[in-house]
Amino acid sequence: MAWSSLNKGSKYHAKKVTVDGIKFDSKREAARWQELKLMEKAGEISNLQRQVRFELTPTFKKPGERTERASTYTADFVYTENGETVVEDSKGFRTETYKLKRKLMIDKYGIWIRETR
């Protein structure tokens, strides 16, 4: 396991790291990835994916107006556990934007985000 810093970090003091050649936004996220990889190897979960994007609102344009881009939520991890799809986010801090996107995920997809700390 090779850890290395990529930059100064974010305004929430998360330090970007690279683990086994994969870039992560925080040490917490990198550590969780390693846990999930072990769980997948043990057969506890399957179909493990990183940085999965969900569209929350589509792109739209009012005639003669500017275009509003789609809004999205990017999950840290998505995997299957006991036949169910799990959307997971490694959270150190819940921003107001995240709280809104979490509610939109429930409304649009019926998905409750599993938060790990």
Protein backbone atom coordinates (compact mmCIF):
# COMPACT_ATOMS: atom_id res chain seq x y z
CA MET A 1 0.00 0.00 0.00
CA ALA A 2 1.66 3.19 -1.19
CA TRP A 3 0.25 6.50 0.12
CA SER A 4 1.29 9.88 -1.25
CA SER A 5 -0.07 13.41 -0.96
CA LEU A 6 -1.25 15.14 -4.13
CA ASN A 7 -1.76 18.72 -2.97
CA LYS A 8 -2.49 20.99 0.00
CA GLY A 9 -6.01 19.58 0.54
CA SER A 10 -9.46 21.10 0.56
CA LYS A 11 -11.17 23.79 2.56
CA TYR A 12 -12.41 21.00 4.84
CA HIS A 13 -8.80 19.91 5.47
CA ALA A 14 -9.12 16.62 3.56
CA LYS A 15 -5.83 15.67 1.99
CA LYS A 16 -5.91 14.10 -1.46
CA VAL A 17 -3.97 10.86 -1.57
CA THR A 18 -2.99 8.17 -4.02
CA VAL A 19 -3.30 4.54 -2.94
CA ASP A 20 -2.16 1.77 -5.26
CA GLY A 21 -2.17 4.20 -8.19
CA ILE A 22 -5.75 5.45 -7.57
CA LYS A 23 -6.39 9.10 -6.61
CA PHE A 24 -8.79 9.74 -3.72
CA ASP A 25 -10.19 12.99 -2.30
CA SER A 26 -9.31 12.03 1.28
CA LYS A 27 -7.50 9.50 3.44
CA ARG A 28 -10.91 8.43 4.78
CA GLU A 29 -12.16 7.63 1.27
CA ALA A 30 -8.96 5.75 0.40
CA ALA A 31 -9.15 3.67 3.58
CA ARG A 32 -12.80 2.83 2.92
CA TRP A 33 -11.92 1.75 -0.64
CA GLN A 34 -9.38 -0.68 0.76
CA GLU A 35 -11.97 -2.07 3.22
CA LEU A 36 -14.52 -2.50 0.42
CA LYS A 37 -11.96 -4.22 -1.82
CA LEU A 38 -11.31 -6.75 0.98
CA MET A 39 -15.06 -7.25 1.43
CA GLU A 40 -15.43 -7.85 -2.30
CA LYS A 41 -12.56 -10.35 -2.28
CA ALA A 42 -14.23 -12.17 0.64
CA GLY A 43 -17.53 -12.32 -1.29
CA GLU A 44 -19.40 -10.05 1.14
CA ILE A 45 -20.13 -7.48 -1.60
CA SER A 46 -19.91 -7.45 -5.41
CA ASN A 47 -19.89 -5.04 -8.37
CA LEU A 48 -17.78 -2.47 -6.49
CA GLN A 49 -17.48 0.83 -8.41
CA ARG A 50 -16.01 4.26 -7.64
CA GLN A 51 -17.19 7.75 -8.53
CA VAL A 52 -20.59 6.78 -9.97
CA ARG A 53 -22.54 9.77 -11.29
CA PHE A 54 -26.31 10.13 -10.87
CA GLU A 55 -28.31 12.79 -12.70
CA LEU A 56 -30.57 14.63 -10.25
CA THR A 57 -32.09 17.19 -12.62
CA PRO A 58 -31.81 17.20 -16.40
CA THR A 59 -30.36 19.92 -18.60
CA PHE A 60 -33.09 22.31 -19.69
CA LYS A 61 -33.48 25.51 -21.67
CA LYS A 62 -36.27 28.01 -21.78
CA PRO A 63 -36.61 29.30 -25.35
CA GLY A 64 -34.52 32.44 -25.77
CA GLU A 65 -32.80 31.91 -22.40
CA ARG A 66 -29.54 30.35 -21.33
CA THR A 67 -29.24 26.61 -20.81
CA GLU A 68 -29.27 25.25 -17.27
CA ARG A 69 -26.87 22.34 -16.91
CA ALA A 70 -27.96 19.09 -15.33
CA SER A 71 -27.26 18.73 -11.64
CA THR A 72 -25.55 15.55 -10.54
CA TYR A 73 -24.43 13.65 -7.48
CA THR A 74 -21.25 11.59 -7.65
CA ALA A 75 -21.19 8.73 -5.16
CA ASP A 76 -17.86 7.68 -3.70
CA PHE A 77 -18.81 4.00 -3.99
CA VAL A 78 -21.60 1.84 -5.37
CA TYR A 79 -21.78 -1.90 -4.79
CA THR A 80 -24.17 -4.82 -4.31
CA GLU A 81 -24.67 -6.22 -0.82
CA ASN A 82 -27.19 -9.00 -0.11
CA GLY A 83 -28.77 -8.42 -3.53
CA GLU A 84 -29.32 -4.70 -2.89
CA THR A 85 -27.53 -1.77 -4.51
CA VAL A 86 -25.69 0.34 -1.94
CA VAL A 87 -24.67 3.94 -2.65
CA GLU A 88 -22.03 5.05 -0.17
CA ASP A 89 -20.29 8.31 0.62
CA SER A 90 -17.29 8.81 2.93
CA LYS A 91 -18.29 11.91 4.83
CA GLY A 92 -16.25 14.07 7.10
CA PHE A 93 -18.51 17.10 6.74
CA ARG A 94 -22.09 17.44 5.43
CA THR A 95 -22.42 20.58 3.34
CA GLU A 96 -25.81 22.14 2.60
CA THR A 97 -25.33 21.16 -1.06
CA TYR A 98 -24.72 17.54 -0.08
CA LYS A 99 -27.84 17.52 2.15
CA LEU A 100 -29.95 18.73 -0.78
CA LYS A 101 -28.45 16.17 -3.17
CA ARG A 102 -29.03 13.42 -0.60
CA LYS A 103 -32.74 14.34 -0.53
CA LEU A 104 -32.91 14.43 -4.34
CA MET A 105 -31.38 10.92 -4.49
CA ILE A 106 -34.17 9.67 -2.21
CA ASP A 107 -36.86 11.47 -4.22
CA LYS A 108 -35.68 10.55 -7.71
CA TYR A 109 -34.14 7.09 -7.23
CA GLY A 110 -35.48 5.90 -3.86
CA ILE A 111 -31.83 5.54 -2.78
CA TRP A 112 -30.77 6.36 0.76
CA ILE A 113 -27.04 7.16 0.76
CA ARG A 114 -25.06 5.18 3.31
CA GLU A 115 -22.64 7.56 4.98
CA THR A 116 -19.41 6.29 6.48
CA ARG A 117 -17.25 8.31 8.80
